[in-house]
C-alpha atoms as a PDB file:
ATOM      1  CA  MET A   1      11.495 -11.081  12.190  1.00  0.00           C
ATOM      2  CA  THR A   2      13.547 -10.631   9.041  1.00  0.00           C
ATOM      3  CA  SER A   3      15.418 -13.638   7.675  1.00  0.00           C
ATOM      4  CA  LYS A   4      19.210 -13.703   7.322  1.00  0.00           C
ATOM      5  CA  LEU A   5      18.780 -14.046   3.555  1.00  0.00           C
ATOM      6  CA  VAL A   6      16.750 -10.813   3.365  1.00  0.00           C
ATOM      7  CA  ILE A   7      19.153  -8.998   5.711  1.00  0.00           C
ATOM      8  CA  ARG A   8      22.085 -10.045   3.502  1.00  0.00           C
ATOM      9  CA  ALA A   9      20.264  -8.928   0.323  1.00  0.00           C
ATOM     10  CA  LEU A  10      19.412  -5.550   1.923  1.00  0.00           C
ATOM     11  CA  GLU A  11      23.069  -5.053   2.849  1.00  0.00           C
ATOM     12  CA  GLN A  12      24.284  -6.035  -0.638  1.00  0.00           C
ATOM     13  CA  GLU A  13      21.890  -3.564  -2.278  1.00  0.00           C
ATOM     14  CA  GLY A  14      22.798  -0.769   0.164  1.00  0.00           C
ATOM     15  CA  LEU A  15      19.244  -0.532   1.513  1.00  0.00           C
ATOM     16  CA  SER A  16      20.183  -1.288   5.148  1.00  0.00           C
ATOM     17  CA  SER A  17      21.476   2.255   5.630  1.00  0.00           C
ATOM     18  CA  ILE A  18      18.198   3.728   4.337  1.00  0.00           C
ATOM     19  CA  LEU A  19      16.203   1.572   6.776  1.00  0.00           C
ATOM     20  CA  GLU A  20      18.562   2.497   9.621  1.00  0.00           C
ATOM     21  CA  SER A  21      18.039   6.201   8.841  1.00  0.00           C
ATOM     22  CA  ARG A  22      14.268   5.731   9.004  1.00  0.00           C
ATOM     23  CA  GLU A  23      14.616   3.949  12.338  1.00  0.00           C
ATOM     24  CA  ARG A  24      16.459   7.035  13.627  1.00  0.00           C
ATOM     25  CA  GLY A  25      13.545   9.177  12.415  1.00  0.00           C
ATOM     26  CA  GLN A  26      15.301  10.502   9.314  1.00  0.00           C
ATOM     27  CA  VAL A  27      14.330  10.116   5.669  1.00  0.00           C
ATOM     28  CA  ALA A  28      17.353   9.928   3.352  1.00  0.00           C
ATOM     29  CA  HIS A  29      16.820  12.188   0.316  1.00  0.00           C
ATOM     30  CA  ASP A  30      20.445  12.672  -0.689  1.00  0.00           C
ATOM     31  CA  ALA A  31      21.880  11.737  -4.082  1.00  0.00           C
ATOM     32  CA  GLU A  32      23.401   8.515  -2.735  1.00  0.00           C
ATOM     33  CA  ALA A  33      20.048   7.308  -1.361  1.00  0.00           C
ATOM     34  CA  LEU A  34      18.291   8.114  -4.641  1.00  0.00           C
ATOM     35  CA  GLU A  35      20.968   6.223  -6.577  1.00  0.00           C
ATOM     36  CA  ILE A  36      20.618   3.179  -4.289  1.00  0.00           C
ATOM     37  CA  LEU A  37      16.821   3.178  -4.675  1.00  0.00           C
ATOM     38  CA  GLY A  38      17.090   3.530  -8.446  1.00  0.00           C
ATOM     39  CA  ARG A  39      19.438   0.596  -8.969  1.00  0.00           C
ATOM     40  CA  ALA A  40      18.231  -1.832  -6.279  1.00  0.00           C
ATOM     41  CA  ASP A  41      16.689  -5.126  -7.328  1.00  0.00           C
ATOM     42  CA  VAL A  42      12.910  -4.631  -7.282  1.00  0.00           C
ATOM     43  CA  LEU A  43      12.280  -7.595  -4.942  1.00  0.00           C
ATOM     44  CA  VAL A  44      14.880  -6.435  -2.427  1.00  0.00           C
ATOM     45  CA  LEU A  45      13.537  -2.882  -2.707  1.00  0.00           C
ATOM     46  CA  GLY A  46      10.060  -4.295  -2.002  1.00  0.00           C
ATOM     47  CA  ALA A  47      11.385  -6.154   1.033  1.00  0.00           C
ATOM     48  CA  ALA A  48      12.930  -2.933   2.387  1.00  0.00           C
ATOM     49  CA  ALA A  49       9.670  -1.034   1.824  1.00  0.00           C
ATOM     50  CA  ASP A  50       7.693  -3.807   3.517  1.00  0.00           C
ATOM     51  CA  ILE A  51      10.004  -3.672   6.543  1.00  0.00           C
ATOM     52  CA  ALA A  52       9.589   0.116   6.753  1.00  0.00           C
ATOM     53  CA  ARG A  53       5.803  -0.157   6.401  1.00  0.00           C
ATOM     54  CA  ARG A  54       5.531  -2.803   9.113  1.00  0.00           C
ATOM     55  CA  ARG A  55       7.750  -0.776  11.502  1.00  0.00           C
ATOM     56  CA  GLU A  56       6.010   2.556  10.944  1.00  0.00           C
ATOM     57  CA  CYS A  57       2.348   1.644  10.435  1.00  0.00           C
ATOM     58  CA  SER A  58      -0.070  -0.730  12.122  1.00  0.00           C
ATOM     59  CA  ASP A  59      -1.072  -4.108  10.704  1.00  0.00           C
ATOM     60  CA  GLU A  60      -4.373  -2.566   9.595  1.00  0.00           C
ATOM     61  CA  ALA A  61      -4.979  -1.950   5.910  1.00  0.00           C
ATOM     62  CA  GLN A  62      -7.725   0.603   5.417  1.00  0.00           C
ATOM     63  CA  ILE A  63     -10.098  -0.318   2.566  1.00  0.00           C
ATOM     64  CA  TYR A  64     -11.655   2.953   1.411  1.00  0.00           C
ATOM     65  CA  VAL A  65     -15.081   2.465  -0.170  1.00  0.00           C
ATOM     66  CA  PRO A  66     -16.153   3.735  -2.690  1.00  0.00           C
ATOM     67  CA  SER A  67     -13.139   5.970  -3.404  1.00  0.00           C
ATOM     68  CA  PRO A  68      -9.751   6.976  -2.025  1.00  0.00           C
ATOM     69  CA  PRO A  69      -9.592   9.788   0.531  1.00  0.00           C
ATOM     70  CA  SER A  70      -8.158  13.168  -0.409  1.00  0.00           C
ATOM     71  CA  GLU A  71      -4.391  13.230  -0.795  1.00  0.00           C
ATOM     72  CA  THR A  72      -2.311  15.050   1.833  1.00  0.00           C
ATOM     73  CA  PRO A  73       1.466  15.234   2.430  1.00  0.00           C
ATOM     74  CA  SER A  74       1.186  12.153   4.677  1.00  0.00           C
ATOM     75  CA  LEU A  75      -1.491  10.317   2.641  1.00  0.00           C
ATOM     76  CA  LEU A  76      -0.420   9.492  -0.927  1.00  0.00           C
ATOM     77  CA  VAL A  77      -2.866   8.085  -3.481  1.00  0.00           C
ATOM     78  CA  ILE A  78      -1.890   5.878  -6.430  1.00  0.00           C
ATOM     79  CA  ASP A  79      -4.872   5.825  -8.804  1.00  0.00           C
ATOM     80  CA  ALA A  80      -5.888   5.999 -12.486  1.00  0.00           C
ATOM     81  CA  ARG A  81      -3.627   9.039 -12.991  1.00  0.00           C
ATOM     82  CA  GLU A  82      -0.637   6.696 -12.575  1.00  0.00           C
ATOM     83  CA  THR A  83       0.756   5.548 -15.937  1.00  0.00           C
ATOM     84  CA  LEU A  84       3.262   2.979 -14.653  1.00  0.00           C
ATOM     85  CA  ARG A  85       2.238  -0.676 -14.502  1.00  0.00           C
ATOM     86  CA  GLY A  86       3.701  -3.988 -13.343  1.00  0.00           C
ATOM     87  CA  THR A  87       7.122  -3.994 -11.683  1.00  0.00           C
ATOM     88  CA  ALA A  88       7.688  -0.322 -12.561  1.00  0.00           C
ATOM     89  CA  LEU A  89       4.602   0.558 -10.494  1.00  0.00           C
ATOM     90  CA  LEU A  90       5.740  -1.668  -7.607  1.00  0.00           C
ATOM     91  CA  ARG A  91       9.196  -0.016  -7.732  1.00  0.00           C
ATOM     92  CA  LYS A  92       7.524   3.401  -7.518  1.00  0.00           C
ATOM     93  CA  ILE A  93       5.389   2.357  -4.527  1.00  0.00           C
ATOM     94  CA  ALA A  94       8.407   0.890  -2.706  1.00  0.00           C
ATOM     95  CA  THR A  95      10.464   4.010  -3.431  1.00  0.00           C
ATOM     96  CA  LEU A  96       7.600   6.208  -2.209  1.00  0.00           C
ATOM     97  CA  ARG A  97       7.507   4.260   1.062  1.00  0.00           C
ATOM     98  CA  LEU A  98      11.242   4.724   1.597  1.00  0.00           C
ATOM     99  CA  GLN A  99      11.185   8.424   0.602  1.00  0.00           C
ATOM    100  CA  ALA A 100       7.849   9.454   2.166  1.00  0.00           C
ATOM    101  CA  PRO A 101       7.496  10.964   5.635  1.00  0.00           C
ATOM    102  CA  LEU A 102       7.678   8.420   8.451  1.00  0.00           C
ATOM    103  CA  GLY A 103       4.344   6.664   8.905  1.00  0.00           C
ATOM    104  CA  ALA A 104       2.851   8.024   5.673  1.00  0.00           C
ATOM    105  CA  ARG A 105      -0.191   6.208   4.290  1.00  0.00           C
ATOM    106  CA  ILE A 106       0.006   5.003   0.681  1.00  0.00           C
ATOM    107  CA  VAL A 107      -3.386   4.178  -0.836  1.00  0.00           C
ATOM    108  CA  VAL A 108      -3.640   2.065  -4.005  1.00  0.00           C
ATOM    109  CA  ASP A 109      -6.899   2.399  -5.930  1.00  0.00           C
ATOM    110  CA  TRP A 110      -7.539  -1.221  -6.847  1.00  0.00           C
ATOM    111  CA  GLY A 111     -10.637  -0.136  -8.756  1.00  0.00           C
ATOM    112  CA  ALA A 112      -8.348   1.616 -11.252  1.00  0.00           C
ATOM    113  CA  LEU A 113      -5.213  -0.553 -11.089  1.00  0.00           C
ATOM    114  CA  GLY A 114      -6.543  -4.022 -10.282  1.00  0.00           C
ATOM    115  CA  LEU A 115      -7.045  -6.024  -7.106  1.00  0.00           C
ATOM    116  CA  GLU A 116      -4.028  -8.273  -7.650  1.00  0.00           C
ATOM    117  CA  ILE A 117      -1.625  -5.331  -8.044  1.00  0.00           C
ATOM    118  CA  GLY A 118      -3.241  -3.794  -4.955  1.00  0.00           C
ATOM    119  CA  GLN A 119      -2.587  -6.954  -2.945  1.00  0.00           C
ATOM    120  CA  ILE A 120       1.039  -7.115  -4.088  1.00  0.00           C
ATOM    121  CA  ALA A 121       1.463  -3.386  -3.425  1.00  0.00           C
ATOM    122  CA  LEU A 122       0.665  -4.050   0.252  1.00  0.00           C
ATOM    123  CA  SER A 123       3.905  -6.065   0.377  1.00  0.00           C
ATOM    124  CA  PHE A 124       5.805  -3.285  -1.416  1.00  0.00           C
ATOM    125  CA  GLY A 125       5.064  -0.581   1.151  1.00  0.00           C
ATOM    126  CA  ALA A 126       1.463   0.433   0.424  1.00  0.00           C
ATOM    127  CA  THR A 127      -0.753   0.673   3.501  1.00  0.00           C
ATOM    128  CA  ASP A 128      -4.266   0.891   2.116  1.00  0.00           C
ATOM    129  CA  LEU A 129      -6.565   0.032  -0.794  1.00  0.00           C
ATOM    130  CA  ALA A 130      -9.538   1.869  -2.286  1.00  0.00           C
ATOM    131  CA  GLY A 131     -12.313   0.850  -4.651  1.00  0.00           C
ATOM    132  CA  PRO A 132     -15.966   1.329  -5.514  1.00  0.00           C
ATOM    133  CA  MET A 133     -18.861  -0.454  -3.810  1.00  0.00           C
ATOM    134  CA  ALA A 134     -21.630  -1.673  -6.118  1.00  0.00           C
ATOM    135  CA  SER A 135     -24.016  -2.812  -3.401  1.00  0.00           C
ATOM    136  CA  ARG A 136     -24.044  -4.486  -0.025  1.00  0.00           C
ATOM    137  CA  ARG A 137     -23.372  -7.762  -1.818  1.00  0.00           C
ATOM    138  CA  GLY A 138     -19.886  -6.839  -2.943  1.00  0.00           C
ATOM    139  CA  LEU A 139     -17.495  -4.757  -4.985  1.00  0.00           C
ATOM    140  CA  PRO A 140     -17.477  -4.588  -8.811  1.00  0.00           C
ATOM    141  CA  MET A 141     -14.458  -5.950 -10.636  1.00  0.00           C
ATOM    142  CA  LEU A 142     -13.739  -7.010 -14.221  1.00  0.00           C
ATOM    143  CA  ASP A 143     -12.466 -10.520 -14.812  1.00  0.00           C
ATOM    144  CA  ALA A 144     -10.209 -11.716 -17.651  1.00  0.00           C
ATOM    145  CA  GLU A 145     -13.093 -11.711 -20.162  1.00  0.00           C
ATOM    146  CA  ASP A 146     -14.158  -8.180 -19.086  1.00  0.00           C
ATOM    147  CA  GLN A 147     -17.401  -9.551 -17.670  1.00  0.00           C
ATOM    148  CA  LYS A 148     -18.611  -7.897 -14.495  1.00  0.00           C
ATOM    149  CA  LYS A 149     -18.681  -9.998 -11.349  1.00  0.00           C
ATOM    150  CA  LEU A 150     -19.027  -9.082  -7.712  1.00  0.00           C
ATOM    151  CA  VAL A 151     -16.323  -9.444  -5.103  1.00  0.00           C
ATOM    152  CA  LYS A 152     -17.599  -9.457  -1.547  1.00  0.00           C
ATOM    153  CA  ARG A 153     -16.015  -7.697   1.406  1.00  0.00           C
ATOM    154  CA  ARG A 154     -14.871 -11.063   2.781  1.00  0.00           C
ATOM    155  CA  GLU A 155     -12.980 -11.734  -0.442  1.00  0.00           C
ATOM    156  CA  ILE A 156     -11.237  -8.354  -0.273  1.00  0.00           C
ATOM    157  CA  ALA A 157     -10.453  -9.009   3.393  1.00  0.00           C
ATOM    158  CA  ALA A 158      -8.970 -12.381   2.391  1.00  0.00           C
ATOM    159  CA  TYR A 159      -6.705 -10.693  -0.205  1.00  0.00           C
ATOM    160  CA  VAL A 160      -5.497  -8.314   2.499  1.00  0.00           C
ATOM    161  CA  ALA A 161      -5.036 -11.148   5.023  1.00  0.00           C
ATOM    162  CA  ARG A 162      -2.943 -13.132   2.526  1.00  0.00           C
ATOM    163  CA  ALA A 163      -0.661 -10.079   2.307  1.00  0.00           C
ATOM    164  CA  GLY A 164      -0.294 -10.266   6.111  1.00  0.00           C
ATOM    165  CA  PHE A 165      -2.598  -7.429   7.179  1.00  0.00           C
ATOM    166  CA  HIS A 166      -6.002  -6.911   8.785  1.00  0.00           C
ATOM    167  CA  ALA A 167      -8.683  -5.227   6.634  1.00  0.00           C
ATOM    168  CA  VAL A 168     -10.650  -2.292   8.052  1.00  0.00           C
ATOM    169  CA  PHE A 169     -13.360  -0.898   5.768  1.00  0.00           C
ATOM    170  CA  VAL A 170     -13.778   2.884   5.777  1.00  0.00           C
ATOM    171  CA  GLN A 171     -16.726   4.588   4.076  1.00  0.00           C
ATOM    172  CA  THR A 172     -15.557   7.590   2.033  1.00  0.00           C
ATOM    173  CA  ASP A 173     -18.803   9.091   0.724  1.00  0.00           C
ATOM    174  CA  ASP A 174     -17.394  12.571   1.356  1.00  0.00           C
ATOM    175  CA  PRO A 175     -14.425  13.156  -1.012  1.00  0.00           C
ATOM    176  CA  GLU A 176     -12.930  15.589   1.530  1.00  0.00           C
ATOM    177  CA  GLN A 177     -12.916  12.904   4.221  1.00  0.00           C
ATOM    178  CA  SER A 178      -9.512  11.572   5.231  1.00  0.00           C
ATOM    179  CA  LEU A 179      -8.211   8.802   7.488  1.00  0.00           C
ATOM    180  CA  PHE A 180      -7.818  11.234  10.357  1.00  0.00           C
ATOM    181  CA  ALA A 181     -11.212  12.910   9.941  1.00  0.00           C
ATOM    182  CA  GLU A 182     -13.484   9.884   9.606  1.00  0.00           C
ATOM    183  CA  PRO A 183     -15.780   9.013  12.513  1.00  0.00           C
ATOM    184  CA  LEU A 184     -15.167   5.676  14.196  1.00  0.00           C
ATOM    185  CA  ALA A 185     -18.712   4.548  13.364  1.00  0.00           C
ATOM    186  CA  SER A 186     -17.794   4.436   9.665  1.00  0.00           C
ATOM    187  CA  ARG A 187     -14.993   1.894  10.240  1.00  0.00           C
ATOM    188  CA  ALA A 188     -15.899  -1.771   9.968  1.00  0.00           C
ATOM    189  CA  HIS A 189     -13.532  -4.612  10.811  1.00  0.00           C
ATOM    190  CA  VAL A 190     -14.063  -7.800   8.839  1.00  0.00           C
ATOM    191  CA  GLU A 191     -13.662 -11.072  10.635  1.00  0.00           C
ATOM    192  CA  SER A 192     -12.523 -13.973   8.482  1.00  0.00           C
END
């Protein structure tokens, strides 16, 4: 359920009409929609993208290990090729959610962009995360002092849970493998 405060902010920013279009099965690509998305407050834009993501996709967040799946028109990958950072990156992800086909998957490569930005991106319309697996003990990540430490699957699952989603690990050894082609045996739910 969306709070009255968020509903009011969405209306003030003009984002309600974009969400209503998506509910009718239409994606607004006209000049007015692009102008609204470009000027909207980033937090309100994120709220709109989160609403669209929650309506259109399940509460599962796929965690692709060790790398993102291949990009398709309905599966978009944000990885090391992306030059934007911080709020500009979050704005892009939210705008992608509101401009992408209904139900599109947006994968953020936390191995390239950072786990924290990946977690926040889940609340700005991203659906999935991707990153490398060092061993069965965990995932490699650099801390503030650039010293390698291991982050275990449970820790990644906890990041995803704090964003309000349920982590499902998907092995992506084959770079051609996508969400729709992977066998069910390669999916692993993590219980917290």
